[in-house]
């Protein structure tokens, strides 16, 4: 009755309030194996400073996501591509992978700062 009037979500909520479990085990999302934080710049950059700053900022966001899901980090990959905004520009892609030592939980052995420095 509730599903016809409202939605499946309301129906499941009412059933759970009545004591019936509605969440299947496979509905729980497993932790991500890879975390990506990316950005396109709105203008052409010729200085390295803003690129380094953006890499550190996005590494911090990835670290926060990693910490939130209670995961550990062992390897970092930073990728930079050029010429994506203009069809006439030459395109180039470079990446650097860095092992950060033994996998470590944030707040114990590995800090956000050391992850940013590795990037």
PDB file of N, CA and C in Angstrom:
ATOM      1  N   UNK A   1       0.818  -1.198   0.000  1.00  0.00           N
ATOM      2  CA  UNK A   1       0.000   0.000   0.000  1.00  0.00           C
ATOM      3  C   UNK A   1       0.862   1.262   0.000  1.00  0.00           C
ATOM      4  N   UNK A   2       1.883   1.305   0.863  1.00  0.00           N
ATOM      5  CA  UNK A   2       2.745   2.488   0.932  1.00  0.00           C
ATOM      6  C   UNK A   2       3.521   2.702  -0.363  1.00  0.00           C
ATOM      7  N   UNK A   3       3.946   1.591  -0.996  1.00  0.00           N
ATOM      8  CA  UNK A   3       4.716   1.712  -2.229  1.00  0.00           C
ATOM      9  C   UNK A   3       3.888   2.376  -3.321  1.00  0.00           C
ATOM     10  N   UNK A   4       2.600   2.044  -3.410  1.00  0.00           N
ATOM     11  CA  UNK A   4       1.736   2.641  -4.431  1.00  0.00           C
ATOM     12  C   UNK A   4       1.517   4.123  -4.170  1.00  0.00           C
ATOM     13  N   UNK A   5       1.368   4.487  -2.903  1.00  0.00           N
ATOM     14  CA  UNK A   5       1.089   5.876  -2.551  1.00  0.00           C
ATOM     15  C   UNK A   5       2.353   6.733  -2.527  1.00  0.00           C
ATOM     16  N   UNK A   6       3.444   6.184  -1.982  1.00  0.00           N
ATOM     17  CA  UNK A   6       4.668   6.972  -1.817  1.00  0.00           C
ATOM     18  C   UNK A   6       5.797   6.420  -2.686  1.00  0.00           C
ATOM     19  N   UNK A   7       6.659   5.614  -2.095  1.00  0.00           N
ATOM     20  CA  UNK A   7       7.784   5.047  -2.840  1.00  0.00           C
ATOM     21  C   UNK A   7       8.298   3.805  -2.128  1.00  0.00           C
ATOM     22  N   UNK A   8       9.232   3.126  -2.761  1.00  0.00           N
ATOM     23  CA  UNK A   8       9.850   1.936  -2.176  1.00  0.00           C
ATOM     24  C   UNK A   8      10.600   2.306  -0.902  1.00  0.00           C
ATOM     25  N   UNK A   9      11.232   3.471  -0.903  1.00  0.00           N
ATOM     26  CA  UNK A   9      12.005   3.909   0.262  1.00  0.00           C
ATOM     27  C   UNK A   9      11.097   4.058   1.480  1.00  0.00           C
ATOM     28  N   UNK A  10       9.942   4.686   1.304  1.00  0.00           N
ATOM     29  CA  UNK A  10       8.994   4.857   2.410  1.00  0.00           C
ATOM     30  C   UNK A  10       8.495   3.498   2.888  1.00  0.00           C
ATOM     31  N   UNK A  11       8.213   2.603   1.942  1.00  0.00           N
ATOM     32  CA  UNK A  11       7.750   1.268   2.323  1.00  0.00           C
ATOM     33  C   UNK A  11       8.811   0.543   3.156  1.00  0.00           C
ATOM     34  N   UNK A  12      10.071   0.589   2.713  1.00  0.00           N
ATOM     35  CA  UNK A  12      11.152  -0.074   3.457  1.00  0.00           C
ATOM     36  C   UNK A  12      11.348   0.563   4.827  1.00  0.00           C
ATOM     37  N   UNK A  13      11.233   1.878   4.907  1.00  0.00           N
ATOM     38  CA  UNK A  13      11.371   2.566   6.194  1.00  0.00           C
ATOM     39  C   UNK A  13      10.292   2.097   7.164  1.00  0.00           C
ATOM     40  N   UNK A  14       9.062   2.015   6.692  1.00  0.00           N
ATOM     41  CA  UNK A  14       7.954   1.564   7.548  1.00  0.00           C
ATOM     42  C   UNK A  14       8.166   0.121   7.991  1.00  0.00           C
ATOM     43  N   UNK A  15       8.626  -0.737   7.084  1.00  0.00           N
ATOM     44  CA  UNK A  15       8.871  -2.137   7.439  1.00  0.00           C
ATOM     45  C   UNK A  15       9.997  -2.260   8.460  1.00  0.00           C
ATOM     46  N   UNK A  16      11.055  -1.457   8.297  1.00  0.00           N
ATOM     47  CA  UNK A  16      12.167  -1.515   9.253  1.00  0.00           C
ATOM     48  C   UNK A  16      11.743  -0.993  10.621  1.00  0.00           C
ATOM     49  N   UNK A  17      10.892   0.043  10.650  1.00  0.00           N
ATOM     50  CA  UNK A  17      10.381   0.545  11.926  1.00  0.00           C
ATOM     51  C   UNK A  17       9.509  -0.498  12.623  1.00  0.00           C
ATOM     52  N   UNK A  18       8.916  -1.381  11.828  1.00  0.00           N
ATOM     53  CA  UNK A  18       8.102  -2.460  12.393  1.00  0.00           C
ATOM     54  C   UNK A  18       8.948  -3.669  12.786  1.00  0.00           C
ATOM     55  N   UNK A  19      10.265  -3.606  12.530  1.00  0.00           N
ATOM     56  CA  UNK A  19      11.153  -4.684  12.960  1.00  0.00           C
ATOM     57  C   UNK A  19      11.593  -5.640  11.877  1.00  0.00           C
ATOM     58  N   UNK A  20      11.257  -5.396  10.622  1.00  0.00           N
ATOM     59  CA  UNK A  20      11.668  -6.264   9.521  1.00  0.00           C
ATOM     60  C   UNK A  20      12.894  -5.667   8.837  1.00  0.00           C
ATOM     61  N   UNK A  21      13.983  -6.427   8.781  1.00  0.00           N
ATOM     62  CA  UNK A  21      15.202  -5.945   8.118  1.00  0.00           C
ATOM     63  C   UNK A  21      14.979  -5.928   6.609  1.00  0.00           C
ATOM     64  N   UNK A  22      15.280  -4.808   5.969  1.00  0.00           N
ATOM     65  CA  UNK A  22      15.068  -4.666   4.527  1.00  0.00           C
ATOM     66  C   UNK A  22      16.366  -4.459   3.756  1.00  0.00           C
ATOM     67  N   UNK A  23      17.448  -4.195   4.438  1.00  0.00           N
ATOM     68  CA  UNK A  23      18.724  -3.938   3.776  1.00  0.00           C
ATOM     69  C   UNK A  23      19.440  -5.260   3.552  1.00  0.00           C
ATOM     70  N   UNK A  24      19.634  -5.608   2.295  1.00  0.00           N
ATOM     71  CA  UNK A  24      20.347  -6.837   1.958  1.00  0.00           C
ATOM     72  C   UNK A  24      21.840  -6.616   2.158  1.00  0.00           C
ATOM     73  N   UNK A  25      22.561  -7.686   2.439  1.00  0.00           N
ATOM     74  CA  UNK A  25      23.999  -7.573   2.678  1.00  0.00           C
ATOM     75  C   UNK A  25      24.746  -7.043   1.467  1.00  0.00           C
ATOM     76  N   UNK A  26      24.339  -7.417   0.260  1.00  0.00           N
ATOM     77  CA  UNK A  26      25.046  -6.953  -0.926  1.00  0.00           C
ATOM     78  C   UNK A  26      24.693  -5.515  -1.296  1.00  0.00           C
ATOM     79  N   UNK A  27      23.752  -4.894  -0.597  1.00  0.00           N
ATOM     80  CA  UNK A  27      23.429  -3.495  -0.846  1.00  0.00           C
ATOM     81  C   UNK A  27      24.429  -2.559  -0.177  1.00  0.00           C
ATOM     82  N   UNK A  28      25.216  -3.066   0.767  1.00  0.00           N
ATOM     83  CA  UNK A  28      26.218  -2.253   1.445  1.00  0.00           C
ATOM     84  C   UNK A  28      27.413  -2.111   0.512  1.00  0.00           C
ATOM     85  N   UNK A  29      27.790  -0.875   0.234  1.00  0.00           N
ATOM     86  CA  UNK A  29      28.886  -0.621  -0.699  1.00  0.00           C
ATOM     87  C   UNK A  29      30.227  -0.961  -0.057  1.00  0.00           C
ATOM     88  N   UNK A  30      31.033  -1.796  -0.721  1.00  0.00           N
ATOM     89  CA  UNK A  30      32.351  -2.127  -0.165  1.00  0.00           C
ATOM     90  C   UNK A  30      33.295  -0.926  -0.285  1.00  0.00           C
ATOM     91  N   UNK A  31      34.360  -0.878   0.516  1.00  0.00           N
ATOM     92  CA  UNK A  31      35.318   0.223   0.406  1.00  0.00           C
ATOM     93  C   UNK A  31      35.935   0.271  -0.993  1.00  0.00           C
ATOM     94  N   UNK A  32      36.211   1.447  -1.457  1.00  0.00           N
ATOM     95  CA  UNK A  32      36.809   1.611  -2.781  1.00  0.00           C
ATOM     96  C   UNK A  32      38.262   1.163  -2.771  1.00  0.00           C
ATOM     97  N   UNK A  33      38.673   0.545  -3.861  1.00  0.00           N
ATOM     98  CA  UNK A  33      40.064   0.134  -4.010  1.00  0.00           C
ATOM     99  C   UNK A  33      40.912   1.292  -4.532  1.00  0.00           C
ATOM    100  N   UNK A  34      40.280   2.192  -5.286  1.00  0.00           N
ATOM    101  CA  UNK A  34      40.966   3.365  -5.824  1.00  0.00           C
ATOM    102  C   UNK A  34      40.143   4.600  -5.490  1.00  0.00           C
ATOM    103  N   UNK A  35      40.828   5.673  -5.146  1.00  0.00           N
ATOM    104  CA  UNK A  35      40.164   6.940  -4.857  1.00  0.00           C
ATOM    105  C   UNK A  35      40.759   7.974  -5.796  1.00  0.00           C
ATOM    106  N   UNK A  36      39.905   8.701  -6.499  1.00  0.00           N
ATOM    107  CA  UNK A  36      40.365   9.685  -7.475  1.00  0.00           C
ATOM    108  C   UNK A  36      39.767  11.048  -7.147  1.00  0.00           C
ATOM    109  N   UNK A  37      40.607  12.058  -7.157  1.00  0.00           N
ATOM    110  CA  UNK A  37      40.169  13.448  -7.042  1.00  0.00           C
ATOM    111  C   UNK A  37      40.837  14.189  -8.187  1.00  0.00           C
ATOM    112  N   UNK A  38      40.056  14.799  -9.062  1.00  0.00           N
ATOM    113  CA  UNK A  38      40.649  15.414 -10.245  1.00  0.00           C
ATOM    114  C   UNK A  38      40.093  16.812 -10.475  1.00  0.00           C
ATOM    115  N   UNK A  39      40.749  17.508 -11.400  1.00  0.00           N
ATOM    116  CA  UNK A  39      40.381  18.893 -11.665  1.00  0.00           C
ATOM    117  C   UNK A  39      40.877  19.309 -13.040  1.00  0.00           C
ATOM    118  N   UNK A  40      40.088  20.160 -13.696  1.00  0.00           N
ATOM    119  CA  UNK A  40      40.551  20.841 -14.909  1.00  0.00           C
ATOM    120  C   UNK A  40      40.682  22.311 -14.559  1.00  0.00           C
ATOM    121  N   UNK A  41      41.738  22.923 -14.999  1.00  0.00           N
ATOM    122  CA  UNK A  41      41.934  24.347 -14.756  1.00  0.00           C
ATOM    123  C   UNK A  41      41.149  25.133 -15.795  1.00  0.00           C
ATOM    124  N   UNK A  42      40.625  26.277 -15.412  1.00  0.00           N
ATOM    125  CA  UNK A  42      39.832  27.093 -16.318  1.00  0.00           C
ATOM    126  C   UNK A  42      40.658  27.922 -17.275  1.00  0.00           C
ATOM    127  N   UNK A  43      41.969  27.939 -17.076  1.00  0.00           N
ATOM    128  CA  UNK A  43      42.845  28.727 -17.949  1.00  0.00           C
ATOM    129  C   UNK A  43      44.174  27.998 -18.109  1.00  0.00           C
ATOM    130  N   UNK A  44      44.942  28.435 -19.076  1.00  0.00           N
ATOM    131  CA  UNK A  44      46.243  27.845 -19.336  1.00  0.00           C
ATOM    132  C   UNK A  44      47.203  28.227 -18.207  1.00  0.00           C
ATOM    133  N   UNK A  45      47.886  27.248 -17.656  1.00  0.00           N
ATOM    134  CA  UNK A  45      48.857  27.497 -16.591  1.00  0.00           C
ATOM    135  C   UNK A  45      50.268  27.322 -17.129  1.00  0.00           C
ATOM    136  N   UNK A  46      51.125  28.280 -16.806  1.00  0.00           N
ATOM    137  CA  UNK A  46      52.518  28.192 -17.239  1.00  0.00           C
ATOM    138  C   UNK A  46      53.474  28.149 -16.056  1.00  0.00           C
ATOM    139  N   UNK A  47      52.964  28.378 -14.858  1.00  0.00           N
ATOM    140  CA  UNK A  47      53.773  28.339 -13.641  1.00  0.00           C
ATOM    141  C   UNK A  47      53.537  27.017 -12.912  1.00  0.00           C
ATOM    142  N   UNK A  48      54.565  26.509 -12.266  1.00  0.00           N
ATOM    143  CA  UNK A  48      54.467  25.241 -11.555  1.00  0.00           C
ATOM    144  C   UNK A  48      53.762  25.378 -10.202  1.00  0.00           C
ATOM    145  N   UNK A  49      53.846  26.551  -9.582  1.00  0.00           N
ATOM    146  CA  UNK A  49      53.276  26.766  -8.250  1.00  0.00           C
ATOM    147  C   UNK A  49      51.804  26.402  -8.127  1.00  0.00           C
ATOM    148  N   UNK A  50      50.922  26.952  -8.983  1.00  0.00           N
ATOM    149  CA  UNK A  50      49.495  26.615  -8.876  1.00  0.00           C
ATOM    150  C   UNK A  50      49.206  25.131  -9.119  1.00  0.00           C
ATOM    151  N   UNK A  51      50.021  24.497  -9.952  1.00  0.00           N
ATOM    152  CA  UNK A  51      49.827  23.070 -10.217  1.00  0.00           C
ATOM    153  C   UNK A  51      50.190  22.260  -8.977  1.00  0.00           C
ATOM    154  N   UNK A  52      51.293  22.619  -8.329  1.00  0.00           N
ATOM    155  CA  UNK A  52      51.693  21.931  -7.092  1.00  0.00           C
ATOM    156  C   UNK A  52      50.652  22.133  -5.998  1.00  0.00           C
ATOM    157  N   UNK A  53      50.143  23.352  -5.901  1.00  0.00           N
ATOM    158  CA  UNK A  53      49.128  23.657  -4.886  1.00  0.00           C
ATOM    159  C   UNK A  53      47.863  22.838  -5.119  1.00  0.00           C
ATOM    160  N   UNK A  54      47.438  22.744  -6.393  1.00  0.00           N
ATOM    161  CA  UNK A  54      46.245  21.955  -6.716  1.00  0.00           C
ATOM    162  C   UNK A  54      46.478  20.476  -6.425  1.00  0.00           C
ATOM    163  N   UNK A  55      47.663  19.968  -6.745  1.00  0.00           N
ATOM    164  CA  UNK A  55      47.971  18.555  -6.473  1.00  0.00           C
ATOM    165  C   UNK A  55      47.906  18.282  -4.974  1.00  0.00           C
ATOM    166  N   UNK A  56      48.436  19.191  -4.169  1.00  0.00           N
ATOM    167  CA  UNK A  56      48.402  19.015  -2.710  1.00  0.00           C
ATOM    168  C   UNK A  56      46.967  19.065  -2.188  1.00  0.00           C
ATOM    169  N   UNK A  57      46.161  19.984  -2.726  1.00  0.00           N
ATOM    170  CA  UNK A  57      44.766  20.107  -2.298  1.00  0.00           C
ATOM    171  C   UNK A  57      43.977  18.849  -2.625  1.00  0.00           C
ATOM    172  N   UNK A  58      44.148  18.348  -3.833  1.00  0.00           N
ATOM    173  CA  UNK A  58      43.394  17.162  -4.228  1.00  0.00           C
ATOM    174  C   UNK A  58      43.921  15.902  -3.556  1.00  0.00           C
ATOM    175  N   UNK A  59      45.194  15.882  -3.222  1.00  0.00           N
ATOM    176  CA  UNK A  59      45.727  14.761  -2.451  1.00  0.00           C
ATOM    177  C   UNK A  59      45.125  14.772  -1.047  1.00  0.00           C
ATOM    178  N   UNK A  60      44.931  15.972  -0.489  1.00  0.00           N
ATOM    179  CA  UNK A  60      44.311  16.082   0.829  1.00  0.00           C
ATOM    180  C   UNK A  60      42.867  15.567   0.784  1.00  0.00           C
ATOM    181  N   UNK A  61      42.136  15.890  -0.286  1.00  0.00           N
ATOM    182  CA  UNK A  61      40.756  15.402  -0.420  1.00  0.00           C
ATOM    183  C   UNK A  61      40.725  13.879  -0.539  1.00  0.00           C
ATOM    184  N   UNK A  62      41.655  13.327  -1.307  1.00  0.00           N
ATOM    185  CA  UNK A  62      41.723  11.866  -1.432  1.00  0.00           C
ATOM    186  C   UNK A  62      42.057  11.237  -0.086  1.00  0.00           C
ATOM    187  N   UNK A  63      42.944  11.883   0.680  1.00  0.00           N
ATOM    188  CA  UNK A  63      43.307  11.386   2.015  1.00  0.00           C
ATOM    189  C   UNK A  63      42.102  11.384   2.940  1.00  0.00           C
ATOM    190  N   UNK A  64      41.277  12.428   2.852  1.00  0.00           N
ATOM    191  CA  UNK A  64      40.073  12.507   3.680  1.00  0.00           C
ATOM    192  C   UNK A  64      39.098  11.385   3.334  1.00  0.00           C
ATOM    193  N   UNK A  65      38.934  11.105   2.039  1.00  0.00           N
ATOM    194  CA  UNK A  65      38.054  10.012   1.620  1.00  0.00           C
ATOM    195  C   UNK A  65      38.588   8.670   2.110  1.00  0.00           C
ATOM    196  N   UNK A  66      39.897   8.495   2.013  1.00  0.00           N
ATOM    197  CA  UNK A  66      40.531   7.257   2.466  1.00  0.00           C
ATOM    198  C   UNK A  66      40.322   7.064   3.959  1.00  0.00           C
ATOM    199  N   UNK A  67      40.528   8.125   4.714  1.00  0.00           N
ATOM    200  CA  UNK A  67      40.356   8.085   6.169  1.00  0.00           C
ATOM    201  C   UNK A  67      38.896   7.804   6.532  1.00  0.00           C
ATOM    202  N   UNK A  68      37.961   8.419   5.800  1.00  0.00           N
ATOM    203  CA  UNK A  68      36.535   8.261   6.099  1.00  0.00           C
ATOM    204  C   UNK A  68      36.067   6.818   5.929  1.00  0.00           C
ATOM    205  N   UNK A  69      36.650   6.097   4.984  1.00  0.00           N
ATOM    206  CA  UNK A  69      36.230   4.707   4.804  1.00  0.00           C
ATOM    207  C   UNK A  69      37.098   3.742   5.594  1.00  0.00           C
ATOM    208  N   UNK A  70      38.043   4.276   6.381  1.00  0.00           N
ATOM    209  CA  UNK A  70      38.862   3.440   7.251  1.00  0.00           C
ATOM    210  C   UNK A  70      39.859   2.577   6.510  1.00  0.00           C
ATOM    211  N   UNK A  71      40.310   3.038   5.349  1.00  0.00           N
ATOM    212  CA  UNK A  71      41.250   2.268   4.537  1.00  0.00           C
ATOM    213  C   UNK A  71      42.685   2.722   4.762  1.00  0.00           C
ATOM    214  N   UNK A  72      43.599   2.020   4.117  1.00  0.00           N
ATOM    215  CA  UNK A  72      45.016   2.352   4.200  1.00  0.00           C
ATOM    216  C   UNK A  72      45.544   2.672   2.808  1.00  0.00           C
ATOM    217  N   UNK A  73      46.707   3.313   2.760  1.00  0.00           N
ATOM    218  CA  UNK A  73      47.299   3.750   1.502  1.00  0.00           C
ATOM    219  C   UNK A  73      48.704   3.176   1.372  1.00  0.00           C
ATOM    220  N   UNK A  74      49.022   2.667   0.205  1.00  0.00           N
ATOM    221  CA  UNK A  74      50.355   2.137  -0.042  1.00  0.00           C
ATOM    222  C   UNK A  74      51.001   2.795  -1.253  1.00  0.00           C
ATOM    223  N   UNK A  75      50.182   3.244  -2.215  1.00  0.00           N
ATOM    224  CA  UNK A  75      50.724   3.818  -3.439  1.00  0.00           C
ATOM    225  C   UNK A  75      49.893   5.021  -3.857  1.00  0.00           C
ATOM    226  N   UNK A  76      50.573   6.025  -4.420  1.00  0.00           N
ATOM    227  CA  UNK A  76      49.922   7.240  -4.906  1.00  0.00           C
ATOM    228  C   UNK A  76      50.295   7.410  -6.368  1.00  0.00           C
ATOM    229  N   UNK A  77      49.337   7.822  -7.182  1.00  0.00           N
ATOM    230  CA  UNK A  77      49.593   8.115  -8.586  1.00  0.00           C
ATOM    231  C   UNK A  77      49.104   9.528  -8.860  1.00  0.00           C
ATOM    232  N   UNK A  78      49.989  10.365  -9.374  1.00  0.00           N
ATOM    233  CA  UNK A  78      49.624  11.726  -9.762  1.00  0.00           C
ATOM    234  C   UNK A  78      49.785  11.808 -11.272  1.00  0.00           C
ATOM    235  N   UNK A  79      48.745  12.281 -11.950  1.00  0.00           N
ATOM    236  CA  UNK A  79      48.744  12.361 -13.407  1.00  0.00           C
ATOM    237  C   UNK A  79      48.415  13.783 -13.829  1.00  0.00           C
ATOM    238  N   UNK A  80      49.149  14.283 -14.811  1.00  0.00           N
ATOM    239  CA  UNK A  80      48.890  15.619 -15.356  1.00  0.00           C
ATOM    240  C   UNK A  80      48.819  15.497 -16.871  1.00  0.00           C
ATOM    241  N   UNK A  81      47.740  16.039 -17.436  1.00  0.00           N
ATOM    242  CA  UNK A  81      47.566  16.044 -18.888  1.00  0.00           C
ATOM    243  C   UNK A  81      47.451  17.483 -19.359  1.00  0.00           C
ATOM    244  N   UNK A  82      48.031  17.778 -20.505  1.00  0.00           N
ATOM    245  CA  UNK A  82      47.982  19.133 -21.046  1.00  0.00           C
ATOM    246  C   UNK A  82      47.192  19.148 -22.349  1.00  0.00           C
ATOM    247  N   UNK A  83      46.737  20.351 -22.721  1.00  0.00           N
ATOM    248  CA  UNK A  83      46.069  20.542 -23.996  1.00  0.00           C
ATOM    249  C   UNK A  83      44.674  19.964 -24.078  1.00  0.00           C
ATOM    250  N   UNK A  84      44.038  19.717 -22.956  1.00  0.00           N
ATOM    251  CA  UNK A  84      42.711  19.100 -22.974  1.00  0.00           C
ATOM    252  C   UNK A  84      41.610  20.105 -23.308  1.00  0.00           C
ATOM    253  N   UNK A  85      41.834  21.384 -23.053  1.00  0.00           N
ATOM    254  CA  UNK A  85      40.792  22.383 -23.247  1.00  0.00           C
ATOM    255  C   UNK A  85      40.729  22.972 -24.640  1.00  0.00           C
ATOM    256  N   UNK A  86      41.784  22.796 -25.426  1.00  0.00           N
ATOM    257  CA  UNK A  86      41.838  23.411 -26.748  1.00  0.00           C
ATOM    258  C   UNK A  86      42.234  22.359 -27.777  1.00  0.00           C
ATOM    259  N   UNK A  87      41.455  22.244 -28.829  1.00  0.00           N
ATOM    260  CA  UNK A  87      41.707  21.220 -29.847  1.00  0.00           C
ATOM    261  C   UNK A  87      43.022  21.456 -30.577  1.00  0.00           C
ATOM    262  N   UNK A  88      43.453  22.719 -30.711  1.00  0.00           N
ATOM    263  CA  UNK A  88      44.665  23.034 -31.467  1.00  0.00           C
ATOM    264  C   UNK A  88      45.944  22.789 -30.664  1.00  0.00           C
ATOM    265  N   UNK A  89      45.842  22.671 -29.350  1.00  0.00           N
ATOM    266  CA  UNK A  89      47.031  22.480 -28.507  1.00  0.00           C
ATOM    267  C   UNK A  89      47.574  21.061 -28.617  1.00  0.00           C
ATOM    268  N   UNK A  90      48.881  20.964 -28.477  1.00  0.00           N
ATOM    269  CA  UNK A  90      49.499  19.647 -28.398  1.00  0.00           C
ATOM    270  C   UNK A  90      49.132  19.020 -27.066  1.00  0.00           C
ATOM    271  N   UNK A  91      48.867  17.745 -27.089  1.00  0.00           N
ATOM    272  CA  UNK A  91      48.484  17.055 -25.858  1.00  0.00           C
ATOM    273  C   UNK A  91      49.652  16.236 -25.338  1.00  0.00           C
ATOM    274  N   UNK A  92      49.779  16.242 -24.041  1.00  0.00           N
ATOM    275  CA  UNK A  92      50.836  15.488 -23.384  1.00  0.00           C
ATOM    276  C   UNK A  92      50.274  14.957 -22.070  1.00  0.00           C
ATOM    277  N   UNK A  93      50.695  13.775 -21.713  1.00  0.00           N
ATOM    278  CA  UNK A  93      50.256  13.193 -20.443  1.00  0.00           C
ATOM    279  C   UNK A  93      51.468  12.611 -19.733  1.00  0.00           C
ATOM    280  N   UNK A  94      51.610  12.947 -18.474  1.00  0.00           N
ATOM    281  CA  UNK A  94      52.696  12.424 -17.647  1.00  0.00           C
ATOM    282  C   UNK A  94      52.095  11.941 -16.335  1.00  0.00           C
ATOM    283  N   UNK A  95      52.697  10.920 -15.771  1.00  0.00           N
ATOM    284  CA  UNK A  95      52.254  10.475 -14.458  1.00  0.00           C
ATOM    285  C   UNK A  95      53.449  10.022 -13.649  1.00  0.00           C
ATOM    286  N   UNK A  96      53.265  10.036 -12.354  1.00  0.00           N
ATOM    287  CA  UNK A  96      54.300   9.594 -11.426  1.00  0.00           C
ATOM    288  C   UNK A  96      53.631   8.756 -10.353  1.00  0.00           C
ATOM    289  N   UNK A  97      54.141   7.551 -10.170  1.00  0.00           N
ATOM    290  CA  UNK A  97      53.650   6.681  -9.104  1.00  0.00           C
ATOM    291  C   UNK A  97      54.664   6.697  -7.981  1.00  0.00           C
ATOM    292  N   UNK A  98      54.180   6.657  -6.765  1.00  0.00           N
ATOM    293  CA  UNK A  98      55.054   6.725  -5.596  1.00  0.00           C
ATOM    294  C   UNK A  98      54.554   5.753  -4.539  1.00  0.00           C
ATOM    295  N   UNK A  99      55.434   4.870  -4.089  1.00  0.00           N
ATOM    296  CA  UNK A  99      55.106   4.002  -2.960  1.00  0.00           C
ATOM    297  C   UNK A  99      55.372   4.786  -1.688  1.00  0.00           C
ATOM    298  N   UNK A 100      54.450   4.734  -0.755  1.00  0.00           N
ATOM    299  CA  UNK A 100      54.612   5.494   0.489  1.00  0.00           C
ATOM    300  C   UNK A 100      55.013   4.594   1.647  1.00  0.00           C
ATOM    301  N   UNK A 101      55.629   3.481   1.337  1.00  0.00           N
ATOM    302  CA  UNK A 101      56.080   2.565   2.386  1.00  0.00           C
ATOM    303  C   UNK A 101      55.007   1.555   2.711  1.00  0.00           C
ATOM    304  N   UNK A 102      55.066   1.032   3.894  1.00  0.00           N
ATOM    305  CA  UNK A 102      54.077   0.057   4.343  1.00  0.00           C
ATOM    306  C   UNK A 102      52.707   0.718   4.433  1.00  0.00           C
ATOM    307  N   UNK A 103      51.655  -0.006   4.078  1.00  0.00           N
ATOM    308  CA  UNK A 103      50.319   0.577   4.247  1.00  0.00           C
ATOM    309  C   UNK A 103      50.129   1.016   5.686  1.00  0.00           C
ATOM    310  N   UNK A 104      49.601   2.188   5.854  1.00  0.00           N
ATOM    311  CA  UNK A 104      49.464   2.720   7.209  1.00  0.00           C
ATOM    312  C   UNK A 104      48.121   3.409   7.356  1.00  0.00           C
ATOM    313  N   UNK A 105      47.553   3.289   8.516  1.00  0.00           N
ATOM    314  CA  UNK A 105      46.305   3.977   8.804  1.00  0.00           C
ATOM    315  C   UNK A 105      46.607   5.430   9.131  1.00  0.00           C
ATOM    316  N   UNK A 106      45.759   6.332   8.640  1.00  0.00           N
ATOM    317  CA  UNK A 106      45.948   7.737   8.949  1.00  0.00           C
ATOM    318  C   UNK A 106      45.730   7.964  10.427  1.00  0.00           C
ATOM    319  N   UNK A 107      46.501   8.852  10.989  1.00  0.00           N
ATOM    320  CA  UNK A 107      46.375   9.158  12.405  1.00  0.00           C
ATOM    321  C   UNK A 107      47.253   8.276  13.261  1.00  0.00           C
ATOM    322  N   UNK A 108      47.799   7.216  12.689  1.00  0.00           N
ATOM    323  CA  UNK A 108      48.696   6.347  13.445  1.00  0.00           C
ATOM    324  C   UNK A 108      50.117   6.493  12.900  1.00  0.00           C
ATOM    325  N   UNK A 109      50.358   5.974  11.696  1.00  0.00           N
ATOM    326  CA  UNK A 109      51.708   6.008  11.142  1.00  0.00           C
ATOM    327  C   UNK A 109      51.854   6.975   9.979  1.00  0.00           C
ATOM    328  N   UNK A 110      50.777   7.285   9.305  1.00  0.00           N
ATOM    329  CA  UNK A 110      50.852   8.098   8.097  1.00  0.00           C
ATOM    330  C   UNK A 110      49.968   9.318   8.279  1.00  0.00           C
ATOM    331  N   UNK A 111      50.466  10.477   7.940  1.00  0.00           N
ATOM    332  CA  UNK A 111      49.677  11.702   8.067  1.00  0.00           C
ATOM    333  C   UNK A 111      49.315  12.230   6.697  1.00  0.00           C
ATOM    334  N   UNK A 112      48.334  13.104   6.641  1.00  0.00           N
ATOM    335  CA  UNK A 112      47.954  13.727   5.381  1.00  0.00           C
ATOM    336  C   UNK A 112      49.129  14.485   4.798  1.00  0.00           C
ATOM    337  N   UNK A 113      49.913  15.144   5.636  1.00  0.00           N
ATOM    338  CA  UNK A 113      51.054  15.914   5.160  1.00  0.00           C
ATOM    339  C   UNK A 113      52.052  15.024   4.440  1.00  0.00           C
ATOM    340  N   UNK A 114      52.353  13.846   4.971  1.00  0.00           N
ATOM    341  CA  UNK A 114      53.320  12.975   4.313  1.00  0.00           C
ATOM    342  C   UNK A 114      52.770  12.437   2.996  1.00  0.00           C
ATOM    343  N   UNK A 115      51.471  12.238   2.899  1.00  0.00           N
ATOM    344  CA  UNK A 115      50.863  11.811   1.643  1.00  0.00           C
ATOM    345  C   UNK A 115      50.985  12.929   0.611  1.00  0.00           C
ATOM    346  N   UNK A 116      50.718  14.173   1.019  1.00  0.00           N
ATOM    347  CA  UNK A 116      50.845  15.308   0.111  1.00  0.00           C
ATOM    348  C   UNK A 116      52.287  15.470  -0.349  1.00  0.00           C
ATOM    349  N   UNK A 117      53.235  15.297   0.540  1.00  0.00           N
ATOM    350  CA  UNK A 117      54.644  15.420   0.176  1.00  0.00           C
ATOM    351  C   UNK A 117      55.036  14.346  -0.827  1.00  0.00           C
ATOM    352  N   UNK A 118      54.494  13.148  -0.673  1.00  0.00           N
ATOM    353  CA  UNK A 118      54.792  12.077  -1.617  1.00  0.00           C
ATOM    354  C   UNK A 118      54.268  12.413  -3.006  1.00  0.00           C
ATOM    355  N   UNK A 119      53.121  13.102  -3.059  1.00  0.00           N
ATOM    356  CA  UNK A 119      52.553  13.493  -4.351  1.00  0.00           C
ATOM    357  C   UNK A 119      53.426  14.550  -4.990  1.00  0.00           C
TER     358      UNK A 119
END
